[in-house]
C-alpha atoms as a PDB file:
ATOM      1  CA  UNK A   1       0.000   0.000   0.000  1.00  0.00           C
ATOM      2  CA  UNK A   2       1.511   3.294  -1.086  1.00  0.00           C
ATOM      3  CA  UNK A   3       1.545   6.414   1.117  1.00  0.00           C
ATOM      4  CA  UNK A   4      -0.684   8.346  -1.268  1.00  0.00           C
ATOM      5  CA  UNK A   5      -3.282   5.574  -1.098  1.00  0.00           C
ATOM      6  CA  UNK A   6      -3.139   5.617   2.710  1.00  0.00           C
ATOM      7  CA  UNK A   7      -3.548   9.398   2.752  1.00  0.00           C
ATOM      8  CA  UNK A   8      -6.368   9.218   0.219  1.00  0.00           C
ATOM      9  CA  UNK A   9      -8.236   6.593   2.224  1.00  0.00           C
ATOM     10  CA  UNK A  10      -7.706   8.670   5.354  1.00  0.00           C
ATOM     11  CA  UNK A  11      -9.221  11.699   3.610  1.00  0.00           C
ATOM     12  CA  UNK A  12     -12.198   9.635   2.486  1.00  0.00           C
ATOM     13  CA  UNK A  13     -12.645   8.290   6.023  1.00  0.00           C
ATOM     14  CA  UNK A  14     -12.536  11.789   7.544  1.00  0.00           C
ATOM     15  CA  UNK A  15     -15.056  12.995   4.951  1.00  0.00           C
ATOM     16  CA  UNK A  16     -17.342  10.009   5.633  1.00  0.00           C
ATOM     17  CA  UNK A  17     -17.193  10.507   9.408  1.00  0.00           C
ATOM     18  CA  UNK A  18     -18.065  14.175   8.976  1.00  0.00           C
ATOM     19  CA  UNK A  19     -20.916  13.385   6.591  1.00  0.00           C
ATOM     20  CA  UNK A  20     -22.338  10.756   8.935  1.00  0.00           C
ATOM     21  CA  UNK A  21     -22.111  13.193  11.827  1.00  0.00           C
ATOM     22  CA  UNK A  22     -23.809  15.944   9.849  1.00  0.00           C
ATOM     23  CA  UNK A  23     -26.659  13.655   8.853  1.00  0.00           C
ATOM     24  CA  UNK A  24     -27.165  12.052  12.276  1.00  0.00           C
ATOM     25  CA  UNK A  25     -26.512  14.882  14.741  1.00  0.00           C
ATOM     26  CA  UNK A  26     -29.442  16.714  16.293  1.00  0.00           C
ATOM     27  CA  UNK A  27     -27.477  19.463  18.031  1.00  0.00           C
ATOM     28  CA  UNK A  28     -26.620  22.436  15.819  1.00  0.00           C
ATOM     29  CA  UNK A  29     -23.092  22.799  17.157  1.00  0.00           C
ATOM     30  CA  UNK A  30     -22.300  19.131  16.581  1.00  0.00           C
ATOM     31  CA  UNK A  31     -23.691  19.375  13.053  1.00  0.00           C
ATOM     32  CA  UNK A  32     -21.500  22.422  12.374  1.00  0.00           C
ATOM     33  CA  UNK A  33     -18.402  20.644  13.659  1.00  0.00           C
ATOM     34  CA  UNK A  34     -19.258  17.588  11.549  1.00  0.00           C
ATOM     35  CA  UNK A  35     -19.528  19.782   8.449  1.00  0.00           C
ATOM     36  CA  UNK A  36     -16.133  21.298   9.258  1.00  0.00           C
ATOM     37  CA  UNK A  37     -14.706  17.793   9.506  1.00  0.00           C
ATOM     38  CA  UNK A  38     -16.290  16.970   6.163  1.00  0.00           C
ATOM     39  CA  UNK A  39     -14.679  20.005   4.520  1.00  0.00           C
ATOM     40  CA  UNK A  40     -11.269  19.147   5.981  1.00  0.00           C
ATOM     41  CA  UNK A  41     -11.566  15.630   4.547  1.00  0.00           C
ATOM     42  CA  UNK A  42     -12.356  17.084   1.126  1.00  0.00           C
ATOM     43  CA  UNK A  43      -9.380  19.453   1.398  1.00  0.00           C
ATOM     44  CA  UNK A  44      -7.155  16.547   2.366  1.00  0.00           C
ATOM     45  CA  UNK A  45      -8.283  14.665  -0.718  1.00  0.00           C
ATOM     46  CA  UNK A  46      -7.436  17.665  -2.914  1.00  0.00           C
ATOM     47  CA  UNK A  47      -3.947  17.853  -1.457  1.00  0.00           C
ATOM     48  CA  UNK A  48      -3.443  14.122  -1.991  1.00  0.00           C
ATOM     49  CA  UNK A  49      -4.659  14.444  -5.587  1.00  0.00           C
ATOM     50  CA  UNK A  50      -2.106  17.205  -6.241  1.00  0.00           C
ATOM     51  CA  UNK A  51       0.833  15.125  -5.027  1.00  0.00           C
ATOM     52  CA  UNK A  52       3.306  13.976  -7.681  1.00  0.00           C
ATOM     53  CA  UNK A  53       6.380  11.751  -7.666  1.00  0.00           C
ATOM     54  CA  UNK A  54       9.301  13.816  -6.229  1.00  0.00           C
ATOM     55  CA  UNK A  55      11.076  14.710  -9.510  1.00  0.00           C
ATOM     56  CA  UNK A  56       7.859  16.338 -10.735  1.00  0.00           C
ATOM     57  CA  UNK A  57       6.460  19.525  -9.236  1.00  0.00           C
ATOM     58  CA  UNK A  58       3.088  19.257  -7.469  1.00  0.00           C
ATOM     59  CA  UNK A  59       0.079  20.921  -9.041  1.00  0.00           C
ATOM     60  CA  UNK A  60      -0.333  24.300  -7.269  1.00  0.00           C
ATOM     61  CA  UNK A  61      -4.006  24.835  -8.157  1.00  0.00           C
ATOM     62  CA  UNK A  62      -5.463  22.303  -5.675  1.00  0.00           C
ATOM     63  CA  UNK A  63      -3.188  23.677  -2.964  1.00  0.00           C
ATOM     64  CA  UNK A  64      -4.463  27.194  -3.641  1.00  0.00           C
ATOM     65  CA  UNK A  65      -8.039  25.898  -3.557  1.00  0.00           C
ATOM     66  CA  UNK A  66      -7.441  24.229  -0.195  1.00  0.00           C
ATOM     67  CA  UNK A  67      -5.937  27.387   1.303  1.00  0.00           C
ATOM     68  CA  UNK A  68      -8.865  29.440   0.003  1.00  0.00           C
ATOM     69  CA  UNK A  69     -11.268  26.808   1.327  1.00  0.00           C
ATOM     70  CA  UNK A  70      -9.734  27.011   4.785  1.00  0.00           C
ATOM     71  CA  UNK A  71     -10.261  30.781   4.852  1.00  0.00           C
ATOM     72  CA  UNK A  72     -13.867  30.392   3.695  1.00  0.00           C
ATOM     73  CA  UNK A  73     -14.569  27.646   6.236  1.00  0.00           C
ATOM     74  CA  UNK A  74     -13.201  29.740   9.098  1.00  0.00           C
ATOM     75  CA  UNK A  75     -15.343  32.748   8.174  1.00  0.00           C
ATOM     76  CA  UNK A  76     -18.440  30.612   7.523  1.00  0.00           C
ATOM     77  CA  UNK A  77     -17.935  28.903  10.873  1.00  0.00           C
ATOM     78  CA  UNK A  78     -17.823  32.267  12.622  1.00  0.00           C
ATOM     79  CA  UNK A  79     -21.099  33.311  10.994  1.00  0.00           C
ATOM     80  CA  UNK A  80     -22.703  29.939  11.750  1.00  0.00           C
ATOM     81  CA  UNK A  81     -21.632  30.134  15.396  1.00  0.00           C
ATOM     82  CA  UNK A  82     -23.151  33.600  15.682  1.00  0.00           C
ATOM     83  CA  UNK A  83     -26.405  32.325  14.169  1.00  0.00           C
ATOM     84  CA  UNK A  84     -26.445  29.304  16.483  1.00  0.00           C
ATOM     85  CA  UNK A  85     -25.913  31.563  19.483  1.00  0.00           C
ATOM     86  CA  UNK A  86     -28.711  33.896  18.359  1.00  0.00           C
ATOM     87  CA  UNK A  87     -31.106  30.995  17.794  1.00  0.00           C
ATOM     88  CA  UNK A  88     -30.240  29.603  21.200  1.00  0.00           C
ATOM     89  CA  UNK A  89     -30.924  32.936  22.880  1.00  0.00           C
ATOM     90  CA  UNK A  90     -34.246  33.277  21.045  1.00  0.00           C
ATOM     91  CA  UNK A  91     -35.296  29.761  22.035  1.00  0.00           C
ATOM     92  CA  UNK A  92     -34.439  30.308  25.702  1.00  0.00           C
ATOM     93  CA  UNK A  93     -36.288  33.650  25.691  1.00  0.00           C
ATOM     94  CA  UNK A  94     -39.419  31.976  24.291  1.00  0.00           C
ATOM     95  CA  UNK A  95     -39.262  29.267  26.984  1.00  0.00           C
ATOM     96  CA  UNK A  96     -39.478  31.843  29.807  1.00  0.00           C
END
C-alpha cells in the first residue's frame, strides 16, 4: 500500500465521518463541527490528488483551492456560530 493511497483513504474516512455526523446529529453545534470535519476531509483529498512523484512539481491549483477553502470555512464557521448563538438565545427567551 503506497503512502498516497493511505492518505487518500484517510481523507475519504474523515469525509465520511463528517458526513455521517452531519446527517445524524441533532445538536446544531455538533452538526456544524461535523460539516467542518467533512470540509477538511475534502481538502485533504485535494492535497493528496495534487501530489506527484518527487522529480515532478506538485500541481499548485489544488493547494491554492485548499488554502482558500480554509479561509472560507473559518469565516463561515464564525457566521454559523453567531447564528447558532442567536437561535439559542431566542429559544431560551421563548421558553421563559
